[in-house]
Amino acid sequence: MEAQLLDTEAEDMAKDSSALNRETGVLTWQELVRFFARGVVIKVDKTLDLLAVGERVAADDAVVMQEWLDKSLVSRASDDDARDWTERQPEFWCLVTAPWVLVQECDPKPANKPH
């Protein structure tokens, strides 16, 4: 019986991850501005897996979230971030876990160098 419960939990986690993955995409800063204005943009450090963070947010895992907040691995986007992003116009890997939009800045595309 216990093995069945573990299998069921693993299946549920896989379904949750799959559902979260469907809520991801790449957006430009211009597309994120309206979410920033509503105060729902959460920056996620590149050392963390965006889907794993989304799972913890969706599960309302306050303990893990507090650890990440304390280590500055997760934080609400600030006005300084907005100014920087407005200047640089980066793209972001985004995940919606309502009401939040979790974002990780994509690596910049290499500039085309003339030969």
PDB file of N, CA and C in Angstrom:
ATOM      1  N   MET A   1       0.818  -1.195   0.000  1.00  0.00           N
ATOM      2  CA  MET A   1       0.000   0.000   0.000  1.00  0.00           C
ATOM      3  C   MET A   1       0.867   1.266   0.000  1.00  0.00           C
ATOM      4  N   GLU A   2       1.932   1.274   0.802  1.00  0.00           N
ATOM      5  CA  GLU A   2       2.804   2.437   0.879  1.00  0.00           C
ATOM      6  C   GLU A   2       3.482   2.706  -0.466  1.00  0.00           C
ATOM      7  N   ALA A   3       3.888   1.639  -1.167  1.00  0.00           N
ATOM      8  CA  ALA A   3       4.508   1.793  -2.484  1.00  0.00           C
ATOM      9  C   ALA A   3       3.526   2.422  -3.468  1.00  0.00           C
ATOM     10  N   GLN A   4       2.245   2.055  -3.367  1.00  0.00           N
ATOM     11  CA  GLN A   4       1.230   2.652  -4.239  1.00  0.00           C
ATOM     12  C   GLN A   4       1.091   4.144  -3.961  1.00  0.00           C
ATOM     13  N   LEU A   5       1.124   4.515  -2.683  1.00  0.00           N
ATOM     14  CA  LEU A   5       1.034   5.931  -2.324  1.00  0.00           C
ATOM     15  C   LEU A   5       2.212   6.705  -2.894  1.00  0.00           C
ATOM     16  N   LEU A   6       3.413   6.129  -2.775  1.00  0.00           N
ATOM     17  CA  LEU A   6       4.593   6.800  -3.318  1.00  0.00           C
ATOM     18  C   LEU A   6       4.492   6.924  -4.826  1.00  0.00           C
ATOM     19  N   ASP A   7       4.015   5.876  -5.499  1.00  0.00           N
ATOM     20  CA  ASP A   7       3.836   5.934  -6.947  1.00  0.00           C
ATOM     21  C   ASP A   7       2.828   7.011  -7.317  1.00  0.00           C
ATOM     22  N   THR A   8       1.740   7.085  -6.567  1.00  0.00           N
ATOM     23  CA  THR A   8       0.713   8.093  -6.825  1.00  0.00           C
ATOM     24  C   THR A   8       1.271   9.495  -6.619  1.00  0.00           C
ATOM     25  N   GLU A   9       2.043   9.683  -5.538  1.00  0.00           N
ATOM     26  CA  GLU A   9       2.656  10.995  -5.288  1.00  0.00           C
ATOM     27  C   GLU A   9       3.609  11.366  -6.418  1.00  0.00           C
ATOM     28  N   ALA A  10       4.409  10.399  -6.891  1.00  0.00           N
ATOM     29  CA  ALA A  10       5.346  10.661  -7.988  1.00  0.00           C
ATOM     30  C   ALA A  10       4.586  11.031  -9.262  1.00  0.00           C
ATOM     31  N   GLU A  11       3.484  10.324  -9.524  1.00  0.00           N
ATOM     32  CA  GLU A  11       2.671  10.645 -10.701  1.00  0.00           C
ATOM     33  C   GLU A  11       2.067  12.040 -10.579  1.00  0.00           C
ATOM     34  N   ASP A  12       1.577  12.394  -9.388  1.00  0.00           N
ATOM     35  CA  ASP A  12       1.003  13.723  -9.166  1.00  0.00           C
ATOM     36  C   ASP A  12       2.051  14.810  -9.376  1.00  0.00           C
ATOM     37  N   MET A  13       3.279  14.558  -8.868  1.00  0.00           N
ATOM     38  CA  MET A  13       4.351  15.545  -9.045  1.00  0.00           C
ATOM     39  C   MET A  13       4.688  15.699 -10.520  1.00  0.00           C
ATOM     40  N   ALA A  14       4.728  14.596 -11.248  1.00  0.00           N
ATOM     41  CA  ALA A  14       5.026  14.657 -12.683  1.00  0.00           C
ATOM     42  C   ALA A  14       3.936  15.437 -13.412  1.00  0.00           C
ATOM     43  N   LYS A  15       2.667  15.201 -13.046  1.00  0.00           N
ATOM     44  CA  LYS A  15       1.567  15.947 -13.656  1.00  0.00           C
ATOM     45  C   LYS A  15       1.674  17.427 -13.340  1.00  0.00           C
ATOM     46  N   ASP A  16       2.014  17.755 -12.062  1.00  0.00           N
ATOM     47  CA  ASP A  16       2.164  19.157 -11.668  1.00  0.00           C
ATOM     48  C   ASP A  16       3.279  19.824 -12.466  1.00  0.00           C
ATOM     49  N   SER A  17       4.411  19.122 -12.619  1.00  0.00           N
ATOM     50  CA  SER A  17       5.530  19.673 -13.383  1.00  0.00           C
ATOM     51  C   SER A  17       5.138  19.879 -14.836  1.00  0.00           C
ATOM     52  N   SER A  18       4.422  18.923 -15.382  1.00  0.00           N
ATOM     53  CA  SER A  18       3.982  19.023 -16.770  1.00  0.00           C
ATOM     54  C   SER A  18       3.033  20.201 -16.937  1.00  0.00           C
ATOM     55  N   ALA A  19       2.112  20.366 -15.999  1.00  0.00           N
ATOM     56  CA  ALA A  19       1.169  21.487 -16.058  1.00  0.00           C
ATOM     57  C   ALA A  19       1.918  22.814 -15.940  1.00  0.00           C
ATOM     58  N   LEU A  20       2.887  22.884 -15.033  1.00  0.00           N
ATOM     59  CA  LEU A  20       3.661  24.117 -14.882  1.00  0.00           C
ATOM     60  C   LEU A  20       4.468  24.403 -16.143  1.00  0.00           C
ATOM     61  N   ASN A  21       5.032  23.360 -16.735  1.00  0.00           N
ATOM     62  CA  ASN A  21       5.836  23.547 -17.939  1.00  0.00           C
ATOM     63  C   ASN A  21       5.016  24.170 -19.070  1.00  0.00           C
ATOM     64  N   ARG A  22       3.714  23.863 -19.112  1.00  0.00           N
ATOM     65  CA  ARG A  22       2.847  24.466 -20.132  1.00  0.00           C
ATOM     66  C   ARG A  22       2.611  25.949 -19.864  1.00  0.00           C
ATOM     67  N   GLU A  23       2.944  26.407 -18.660  1.00  0.00           N
ATOM     68  CA  GLU A  23       2.752  27.811 -18.299  1.00  0.00           C
ATOM     69  C   GLU A  23       4.042  28.609 -18.452  1.00  0.00           C
ATOM     70  N   THR A  24       5.025  28.061 -19.161  1.00  0.00           N
ATOM     71  CA  THR A  24       6.303  28.742 -19.344  1.00  0.00           C
ATOM     72  C   THR A  24       6.416  29.309 -20.752  1.00  0.00           C
ATOM     73  N   GLY A  25       7.322  30.251 -20.890  1.00  0.00           N
ATOM     74  CA  GLY A  25       7.602  30.816 -22.198  1.00  0.00           C
ATOM     75  C   GLY A  25       8.635  31.921 -22.079  1.00  0.00           C
ATOM     76  N   VAL A  26       9.116  32.355 -23.208  1.00  0.00           N
ATOM     77  CA  VAL A  26      10.084  33.444 -23.254  1.00  0.00           C
ATOM     78  C   VAL A  26       9.341  34.729 -23.588  1.00  0.00           C
ATOM     79  N   LEU A  27       9.560  35.746 -22.755  1.00  0.00           N
ATOM     80  CA  LEU A  27       8.946  37.059 -22.963  1.00  0.00           C
ATOM     81  C   LEU A  27      10.018  38.135 -22.952  1.00  0.00           C
ATOM     82  N   THR A  28       9.734  39.216 -23.643  1.00  0.00           N
ATOM     83  CA  THR A  28      10.616  40.378 -23.605  1.00  0.00           C
ATOM     84  C   THR A  28      10.254  41.233 -22.394  1.00  0.00           C
ATOM     85  N   TRP A  29      11.121  42.157 -22.065  1.00  0.00           N
ATOM     86  CA  TRP A  29      10.822  43.076 -20.976  1.00  0.00           C
ATOM     87  C   TRP A  29       9.556  43.879 -21.289  1.00  0.00           C
ATOM     88  N   GLN A  30       9.390  44.291 -22.533  1.00  0.00           N
ATOM     89  CA  GLN A  30       8.197  45.056 -22.902  1.00  0.00           C
ATOM     90  C   GLN A  30       6.920  44.273 -22.608  1.00  0.00           C
ATOM     91  N   GLU A  31       6.969  42.957 -22.792  1.00  0.00           N
ATOM     92  CA  GLU A  31       5.800  42.125 -22.513  1.00  0.00           C
ATOM     93  C   GLU A  31       5.573  41.926 -21.011  1.00  0.00           C
ATOM     94  N   LEU A  32       6.629  42.085 -20.219  1.00  0.00           N
ATOM     95  CA  LEU A  32       6.539  41.909 -18.763  1.00  0.00           C
ATOM     96  C   LEU A  32       6.182  43.180 -18.004  1.00  0.00           C
ATOM     97  N   VAL A  33       6.335  44.330 -18.641  1.00  0.00           N
ATOM     98  CA  VAL A  33       6.146  45.612 -17.946  1.00  0.00           C
ATOM     99  C   VAL A  33       4.806  45.680 -17.222  1.00  0.00           C
ATOM    100  N   ARG A  34       3.741  45.242 -17.860  1.00  0.00           N
ATOM    101  CA  ARG A  34       2.416  45.348 -17.222  1.00  0.00           C
ATOM    102  C   ARG A  34       2.328  44.485 -15.972  1.00  0.00           C
ATOM    103  N   PHE A  35       3.022  43.341 -15.960  1.00  0.00           N
ATOM    104  CA  PHE A  35       3.025  42.495 -14.764  1.00  0.00           C
ATOM    105  C   PHE A  35       3.870  43.135 -13.658  1.00  0.00           C
ATOM    106  N   PHE A  36       4.984  43.756 -14.065  1.00  0.00           N
ATOM    107  CA  PHE A  36       5.808  44.478 -13.101  1.00  0.00           C
ATOM    108  C   PHE A  36       4.991  45.601 -12.454  1.00  0.00           C
ATOM    109  N   ALA A  37       4.229  46.322 -13.264  1.00  0.00           N
ATOM    110  CA  ALA A  37       3.408  47.423 -12.752  1.00  0.00           C
ATOM    111  C   ALA A  37       2.396  46.934 -11.717  1.00  0.00           C
ATOM    112  N   ARG A  38       1.949  45.696 -11.851  1.00  0.00           N
ATOM    113  CA  ARG A  38       1.011  45.114 -10.886  1.00  0.00           C
ATOM    114  C   ARG A  38       1.716  44.539  -9.660  1.00  0.00           C
ATOM    115  N   GLY A  39       3.071  44.524  -9.698  1.00  0.00           N
ATOM    116  CA  GLY A  39       3.839  44.033  -8.554  1.00  0.00           C
ATOM    117  C   GLY A  39       3.882  42.529  -8.419  1.00  0.00           C
ATOM    118  N   VAL A  40       3.734  41.800  -9.539  1.00  0.00           N
ATOM    119  CA  VAL A  40       3.677  40.339  -9.459  1.00  0.00           C
ATOM    120  C   VAL A  40       4.874  39.632 -10.101  1.00  0.00           C
ATOM    121  N   VAL A  41       5.910  40.391 -10.473  1.00  0.00           N
ATOM    122  CA  VAL A  41       7.090  39.779 -11.088  1.00  0.00           C
ATOM    123  C   VAL A  41       8.073  39.381  -9.982  1.00  0.00           C
ATOM    124  N   ILE A  42       8.442  38.098  -9.993  1.00  0.00           N
ATOM    125  CA  ILE A  42       9.381  37.544  -9.023  1.00  0.00           C
ATOM    126  C   ILE A  42      10.626  37.075  -9.774  1.00  0.00           C
ATOM    127  N   LYS A  43      11.785  37.633  -9.392  1.00  0.00           N
ATOM    128  CA  LYS A  43      13.060  37.218 -10.008  1.00  0.00           C
ATOM    129  C   LYS A  43      13.532  35.926  -9.358  1.00  0.00           C
ATOM    130  N   VAL A  44      14.008  35.022 -10.200  1.00  0.00           N
ATOM    131  CA  VAL A  44      14.537  33.744  -9.736  1.00  0.00           C
ATOM    132  C   VAL A  44      15.983  33.649 -10.207  1.00  0.00           C
ATOM    133  N   ASP A  45      16.889  33.431  -9.271  1.00  0.00           N
ATOM    134  CA  ASP A  45      18.311  33.317  -9.586  1.00  0.00           C
ATOM    135  C   ASP A  45      18.541  32.177 -10.580  1.00  0.00           C
ATOM    136  N   LYS A  46      19.524  32.355 -11.450  1.00  0.00           N
ATOM    137  CA  LYS A  46      19.815  31.348 -12.476  1.00  0.00           C
ATOM    138  C   LYS A  46      20.323  30.034 -11.901  1.00  0.00           C
ATOM    139  N   THR A  47      20.742  30.039 -10.645  1.00  0.00           N
ATOM    140  CA  THR A  47      21.215  28.792 -10.036  1.00  0.00           C
ATOM    141  C   THR A  47      20.060  27.882  -9.644  1.00  0.00           C
ATOM    142  N   LEU A  48      18.835  28.411  -9.668  1.00  0.00           N
ATOM    143  CA  LEU A  48      17.659  27.614  -9.324  1.00  0.00           C
ATOM    144  C   LEU A  48      16.923  27.179 -10.584  1.00  0.00           C
ATOM    145  N   ASP A  49      16.276  26.036 -10.512  1.00  0.00           N
ATOM    146  CA  ASP A  49      15.445  25.556 -11.606  1.00  0.00           C
ATOM    147  C   ASP A  49      14.104  26.275 -11.527  1.00  0.00           C
ATOM    148  N   LEU A  50      13.724  26.958 -12.590  1.00  0.00           N
ATOM    149  CA  LEU A  50      12.503  27.757 -12.600  1.00  0.00           C
ATOM    150  C   LEU A  50      11.264  26.909 -12.291  1.00  0.00           C
ATOM    151  N   LEU A  51      11.192  25.710 -12.869  1.00  0.00           N
ATOM    152  CA  LEU A  51      10.043  24.838 -12.608  1.00  0.00           C
ATOM    153  C   LEU A  51      10.002  24.385 -11.151  1.00  0.00           C
ATOM    154  N   ALA A  52      11.162  24.112 -10.566  1.00  0.00           N
ATOM    155  CA  ALA A  52      11.209  23.701  -9.161  1.00  0.00           C
ATOM    156  C   ALA A  52      10.714  24.829  -8.263  1.00  0.00           C
ATOM    157  N   VAL A  53      11.093  26.056  -8.584  1.00  0.00           N
ATOM    158  CA  VAL A  53      10.611  27.200  -7.813  1.00  0.00           C
ATOM    159  C   VAL A  53       9.101  27.337  -7.983  1.00  0.00           C
ATOM    160  N   GLY A  54       8.628  27.186  -9.208  1.00  0.00           N
ATOM    161  CA  GLY A  54       7.193  27.247  -9.455  1.00  0.00           C
ATOM    162  C   GLY A  54       6.422  26.202  -8.669  1.00  0.00           C
ATOM    163  N   GLU A  55       6.987  25.006  -8.570  1.00  0.00           N
ATOM    164  CA  GLU A  55       6.338  23.945  -7.788  1.00  0.00           C
ATOM    165  C   GLU A  55       6.241  24.335  -6.320  1.00  0.00           C
ATOM    166  N   ARG A  56       7.307  24.928  -5.785  1.00  0.00           N
ATOM    167  CA  ARG A  56       7.308  25.337  -4.372  1.00  0.00           C
ATOM    168  C   ARG A  56       6.323  26.483  -4.137  1.00  0.00           C
ATOM    169  N   VAL A  57       6.226  27.389  -5.101  1.00  0.00           N
ATOM    170  CA  VAL A  57       5.260  28.484  -4.996  1.00  0.00           C
ATOM    171  C   VAL A  57       3.841  27.923  -5.037  1.00  0.00           C
ATOM    172  N   ALA A  58       3.582  27.040  -5.989  1.00  0.00           N
ATOM    173  CA  ALA A  58       2.249  26.453  -6.133  1.00  0.00           C
ATOM    174  C   ALA A  58       1.853  25.647  -4.898  1.00  0.00           C
ATOM    175  N   ALA A  59       2.851  25.016  -4.256  1.00  0.00           N
ATOM    176  CA  ALA A  59       2.587  24.217  -3.053  1.00  0.00           C
ATOM    177  C   ALA A  59       2.537  25.087  -1.804  1.00  0.00           C
ATOM    178  N   ASP A  60       2.792  26.398  -1.966  1.00  0.00           N
ATOM    179  CA  ASP A  60       2.814  27.332  -0.843  1.00  0.00           C
ATOM    180  C   ASP A  60       3.805  26.873   0.229  1.00  0.00           C
ATOM    181  N   ASP A  61       5.000  26.465  -0.225  1.00  0.00           N
ATOM    182  CA  ASP A  61       6.053  25.960   0.661  1.00  0.00           C
ATOM    183  C   ASP A  61       6.806  27.141   1.275  1.00  0.00           C
ATOM    184  N   ALA A  62       6.279  27.650   2.377  1.00  0.00           N
ATOM    185  CA  ALA A  62       6.825  28.846   3.016  1.00  0.00           C
ATOM    186  C   ALA A  62       8.246  28.633   3.524  1.00  0.00           C
ATOM    187  N   VAL A  63       8.576  27.432   3.976  1.00  0.00           N
ATOM    188  CA  VAL A  63       9.900  27.169   4.527  1.00  0.00           C
ATOM    189  C   VAL A  63      10.966  27.307   3.447  1.00  0.00           C
ATOM    190  N   VAL A  64      10.770  26.633   2.334  1.00  0.00           N
ATOM    191  CA  VAL A  64      11.753  26.689   1.237  1.00  0.00           C
ATOM    192  C   VAL A  64      11.795  28.101   0.644  1.00  0.00           C
ATOM    193  N   MET A  65      10.634  28.702   0.453  1.00  0.00           N
ATOM    194  CA  MET A  65      10.604  30.058  -0.108  1.00  0.00           C
ATOM    195  C   MET A  65      11.368  31.031   0.783  1.00  0.00           C
ATOM    196  N   GLN A  66      11.205  30.914   2.105  1.00  0.00           N
ATOM    197  CA  GLN A  66      11.910  31.811   3.025  1.00  0.00           C
ATOM    198  C   GLN A  66      13.413  31.614   2.932  1.00  0.00           C
ATOM    199  N   GLU A  67      13.850  30.359   2.784  1.00  0.00           N
ATOM    200  CA  GLU A  67      15.284  30.086   2.617  1.00  0.00           C
ATOM    201  C   GLU A  67      15.810  30.798   1.381  1.00  0.00           C
ATOM    202  N   TRP A  68      15.072  30.686   0.272  1.00  0.00           N
ATOM    203  CA  TRP A  68      15.501  31.331  -0.976  1.00  0.00           C
ATOM    204  C   TRP A  68      15.469  32.847  -0.843  1.00  0.00           C
ATOM    205  N   LEU A  69      14.459  33.367  -0.180  1.00  0.00           N
ATOM    206  CA  LEU A  69      14.386  34.817   0.040  1.00  0.00           C
ATOM    207  C   LEU A  69      15.569  35.290   0.876  1.00  0.00           C
ATOM    208  N   ASP A  70      15.878  34.561   1.951  1.00  0.00           N
ATOM    209  CA  ASP A  70      16.990  34.927   2.830  1.00  0.00           C
ATOM    210  C   ASP A  70      18.325  34.922   2.090  1.00  0.00           C
ATOM    211  N   LYS A  71      18.464  34.044   1.112  1.00  0.00           N
ATOM    212  CA  LYS A  71      19.702  33.934   0.332  1.00  0.00           C
ATOM    213  C   LYS A  71      19.672  34.809  -0.917  1.00  0.00           C
ATOM    214  N   SER A  72      18.608  35.599  -1.076  1.00  0.00           N
ATOM    215  CA  SER A  72      18.419  36.468  -2.249  1.00  0.00           C
ATOM    216  C   SER A  72      18.408  35.685  -3.555  1.00  0.00           C
ATOM    217  N   LEU A  73      17.945  34.452  -3.508  1.00  0.00           N
ATOM    218  CA  LEU A  73      17.819  33.641  -4.718  1.00  0.00           C
ATOM    219  C   LEU A  73      16.480  33.879  -5.396  1.00  0.00           C
ATOM    220  N   VAL A  74      15.525  34.382  -4.627  1.00  0.00           N
ATOM    221  CA  VAL A  74      14.194  34.725  -5.117  1.00  0.00           C
ATOM    222  C   VAL A  74      13.841  36.068  -4.499  1.00  0.00           C
ATOM    223  N   SER A  75      13.346  36.994  -5.334  1.00  0.00           N
ATOM    224  CA  SER A  75      12.948  38.310  -4.805  1.00  0.00           C
ATOM    225  C   SER A  75      11.960  38.969  -5.753  1.00  0.00           C
ATOM    226  N   ARG A  76      11.186  39.870  -5.198  1.00  0.00           N
ATOM    227  CA  ARG A  76      10.261  40.635  -6.032  1.00  0.00           C
ATOM    228  C   ARG A  76      11.089  41.612  -6.868  1.00  0.00           C
ATOM    229  N   ALA A  77      10.768  41.750  -8.136  1.00  0.00           N
ATOM    230  CA  ALA A  77      11.491  42.675  -9.012  1.00  0.00           C
ATOM    231  C   ALA A  77      11.339  44.096  -8.470  1.00  0.00           C
ATOM    232  N   SER A  78      12.441  44.826  -8.481  1.00  0.00           N
ATOM    233  CA  SER A  78      12.478  46.175  -7.919  1.00  0.00           C
ATOM    234  C   SER A  78      12.450  47.241  -9.022  1.00  0.00           C
ATOM    235  N   ASP A  79      12.307  48.476  -8.601  1.00  0.00           N
ATOM    236  CA  ASP A  79      12.381  49.590  -9.551  1.00  0.00           C
ATOM    237  C   ASP A  79      13.751  49.635 -10.217  1.00  0.00           C
ATOM    238  N   ASP A  80      14.814  49.313  -9.464  1.00  0.00           N
ATOM    239  CA  ASP A  80      16.161  49.269 -10.052  1.00  0.00           C
ATOM    240  C   ASP A  80      16.244  48.202 -11.138  1.00  0.00           C
ATOM    241  N   ASP A  81      15.618  47.058 -10.885  1.00  0.00           N
ATOM    242  CA  ASP A  81      15.579  46.006 -11.917  1.00  0.00           C
ATOM    243  C   ASP A  81      14.881  46.535 -13.165  1.00  0.00           C
ATOM    244  N   ALA A  82      13.752  47.201 -12.966  1.00  0.00           N
ATOM    245  CA  ALA A  82      12.975  47.718 -14.103  1.00  0.00           C
ATOM    246  C   ALA A  82      13.791  48.719 -14.915  1.00  0.00           C
ATOM    247  N   ARG A  83      14.512  49.600 -14.231  1.00  0.00           N
ATOM    248  CA  ARG A  83      15.351  50.569 -14.960  1.00  0.00           C
ATOM    249  C   ARG A  83      16.431  49.853 -15.768  1.00  0.00           C
ATOM    250  N   ASP A  84      17.071  48.862 -15.150  1.00  0.00           N
ATOM    251  CA  ASP A  84      18.111  48.087 -15.829  1.00  0.00           C
ATOM    252  C   ASP A  84      17.533  47.356 -17.039  1.00  0.00           C
ATOM    253  N   TRP A  85      16.395  46.714 -16.861  1.00  0.00           N
ATOM    254  CA  TRP A  85      15.789  45.955 -17.948  1.00  0.00           C
ATOM    255  C   TRP A  85      15.296  46.867 -19.061  1.00  0.00           C
ATOM    256  N   THR A  86      14.827  48.047 -18.706  1.00  0.00           N
ATOM    257  CA  THR A  86      14.385  49.004 -19.724  1.00  0.00           C
ATOM    258  C   THR A  86      15.572  49.428 -20.589  1.00  0.00           C
ATOM    259  N   GLU A  87      16.709  49.615 -19.956  1.00  0.00           N
ATOM    260  CA  GLU A  87      17.911  50.017 -20.690  1.00  0.00           C
ATOM    261  C   GLU A  87      18.444  48.893 -21.569  1.00  0.00           C
ATOM    262  N   ARG A  88      18.480  47.669 -21.042  1.00  0.00           N
ATOM    263  CA  ARG A  88      19.095  46.543 -21.760  1.00  0.00           C
ATOM    264  C   ARG A  88      18.132  45.752 -22.631  1.00  0.00           C
ATOM    265  N   GLN A  89      16.832  45.758 -22.329  1.00  0.00           N
ATOM    266  CA  GLN A  89      15.813  45.015 -23.083  1.00  0.00           C
ATOM    267  C   GLN A  89      16.116  43.509 -23.196  1.00  0.00           C
ATOM    268  N   PRO A  90      16.343  42.830 -22.062  1.00  0.00           N
ATOM    269  CA  PRO A  90      16.609  41.392 -22.132  1.00  0.00           C
ATOM    270  C   PRO A  90      15.334  40.587 -22.365  1.00  0.00           C
ATOM    271  N   GLU A  91      15.525  39.301 -22.641  1.00  0.00           N
ATOM    272  CA  GLU A  91      14.411  38.357 -22.701  1.00  0.00           C
ATOM    273  C   GLU A  91      14.437  37.536 -21.422  1.00  0.00           C
ATOM    274  N   PHE A  92      13.265  36.994 -21.059  1.00  0.00           N
ATOM    275  CA  PHE A  92      13.127  36.251 -19.813  1.00  0.00           C
ATOM    276  C   PHE A  92      12.430  34.927 -20.051  1.00  0.00           C
ATOM    277  N   TRP A  93      12.915  33.904 -19.374  1.00  0.00           N
ATOM    278  CA  TRP A  93      12.200  32.643 -19.292  1.00  0.00           C
ATOM    279  C   TRP A  93      11.203  32.851 -18.165  1.00  0.00           C
ATOM    280  N   CYS A  94       9.927  32.680 -18.422  1.00  0.00           N
ATOM    281  CA  CYS A  94       8.877  33.020 -17.463  1.00  0.00           C
ATOM    282  C   CYS A  94       7.997  31.825 -17.155  1.00  0.00           C
ATOM    283  N   LEU A  95       7.470  31.840 -15.948  1.00  0.00           N
ATOM    284  CA  LEU A  95       6.543  30.818 -15.497  1.00  0.00           C
ATOM    285  C   LEU A  95       5.434  31.511 -14.714  1.00  0.00           C
ATOM    286  N   VAL A  96       4.203  31.262 -15.105  1.00  0.00           N
ATOM    287  CA  VAL A  96       3.062  31.840 -14.409  1.00  0.00           C
ATOM    288  C   VAL A  96       2.579  30.859 -13.362  1.00  0.00           C
ATOM    289  N   THR A  97       2.585  31.289 -12.113  1.00  0.00           N
ATOM    290  CA  THR A  97       1.954  30.563 -11.015  1.00  0.00           C
ATOM    291  C   THR A  97       1.109  31.609 -10.306  1.00  0.00           C
ATOM    292  N   ALA A  98      -0.096  31.788 -10.832  1.00  0.00           N
ATOM    293  CA  ALA A  98      -0.968  32.887 -10.420  1.00  0.00           C
ATOM    294  C   ALA A  98      -0.991  33.051  -8.907  1.00  0.00           C
ATOM    295  N   PRO A  99      -0.874  34.273  -8.438  1.00  0.00           N
ATOM    296  CA  PRO A  99      -0.869  35.514  -9.214  1.00  0.00           C
ATOM    297  C   PRO A  99       0.522  35.933  -9.675  1.00  0.00           C
ATOM    298  N   TRP A 100       1.543  35.123  -9.408  1.00  0.00           N
ATOM    299  CA  TRP A 100       2.918  35.511  -9.670  1.00  0.00           C
ATOM    300  C   TRP A 100       3.383  35.157 -11.079  1.00  0.00           C
ATOM    301  N   VAL A 101       4.342  35.951 -11.565  1.00  0.00           N
ATOM    302  CA  VAL A 101       5.064  35.637 -12.797  1.00  0.00           C
ATOM    303  C   VAL A 101       6.523  35.506 -12.385  1.00  0.00           C
ATOM    304  N   LEU A 102       7.034  34.274 -12.399  1.00  0.00           N
ATOM    305  CA  LEU A 102       8.420  34.007 -12.040  1.00  0.00           C
ATOM    306  C   LEU A 102       9.276  34.201 -13.281  1.00  0.00           C
ATOM    307  N   VAL A 103      10.412  34.896 -13.133  1.00  0.00           N
ATOM    308  CA  VAL A 103      11.250  35.188 -14.296  1.00  0.00           C
ATOM    309  C   VAL A 103      12.717  34.904 -14.019  1.00  0.00           C
ATOM    310  N   GLN A 104      13.379  34.426 -15.050  1.00  0.00           N
ATOM    311  CA  GLN A 104      14.829  34.303 -15.075  1.00  0.00           C
ATOM    312  C   GLN A 104      15.301  34.944 -16.366  1.00  0.00           C
ATOM    313  N   GLU A 105      16.269  35.814 -16.234  1.00  0.00           N
ATOM    314  CA  GLU A 105      16.797  36.472 -17.423  1.00  0.00           C
ATOM    315  C   GLU A 105      17.519  35.445 -18.283  1.00  0.00           C
ATOM    316  N   CYS A 106      17.203  35.456 -19.575  1.00  0.00           N
ATOM    317  CA  CYS A 106      17.879  34.571 -20.527  1.00  0.00           C
ATOM    318  C   CYS A 106      19.290  35.085 -20.770  1.00  0.00           C
ATOM    319  N   ASP A 107      20.181  34.170 -21.108  1.00  0.00           N
ATOM    320  CA  ASP A 107      21.525  34.584 -21.478  1.00  0.00           C
ATOM    321  C   ASP A 107      21.445  35.444 -22.725  1.00  0.00           C
ATOM    322  N   PRO A 108      22.232  36.524 -22.759  1.00  0.00           N
ATOM    323  CA  PRO A 108      22.185  37.375 -23.954  1.00  0.00           C
ATOM    324  C   PRO A 108      22.628  36.601 -25.187  1.00  0.00           C
ATOM    325  N   LYS A 109      22.013  36.950 -26.301  1.00  0.00           N
ATOM    326  CA  LYS A 109      22.395  36.332 -27.564  1.00  0.00           C
ATOM    327  C   LYS A 109      23.734  36.921 -27.996  1.00  0.00           C
ATOM    328  N   PRO A 110      24.636  36.062 -28.471  1.00  0.00           N
ATOM    329  CA  PRO A 110      25.932  36.588 -28.912  1.00  0.00           C
ATOM    330  C   PRO A 110      25.761  37.511 -30.116  1.00  0.00           C
ATOM    331  N   ALA A 111      26.505  38.573 -30.097  1.00  0.00           N
ATOM    332  CA  ALA A 111      26.453  39.526 -31.222  1.00  0.00           C
ATOM    333  C   ALA A 111      27.109  38.903 -32.435  1.00  0.00           C
ATOM    334  N   ASN A 112      26.548  39.175 -33.598  1.00  0.00           N
ATOM    335  CA  ASN A 112      27.160  38.705 -34.836  1.00  0.00           C
ATOM    336  C   ASN A 112      28.422  39.503 -35.098  1.00  0.00           C
ATOM    337  N   LYS A 113      29.520  38.789 -35.226  1.00  0.00           N
ATOM    338  CA  LYS A 113      30.796  39.455 -35.462  1.00  0.00           C
ATOM    339  C   LYS A 113      31.117  39.404 -36.949  1.00  0.00           C
ATOM    340  N   PRO A 114      31.507  40.541 -37.519  1.00  0.00           N
ATOM    341  CA  PRO A 114      31.891  40.532 -38.932  1.00  0.00           C
ATOM    342  C   PRO A 114      33.162  39.704 -39.133  1.00  0.00           C
ATOM    343  N   HIS A 115      33.223  39.049 -40.263  1.00  0.00           N
ATOM    344  CA  HIS A 115      34.413  38.198 -40.557  1.00  0.00           C
ATOM    345  C   HIS A 115      35.497  39.001 -41.175  1.00  0.00           C
TER     346      HIS A 115
END
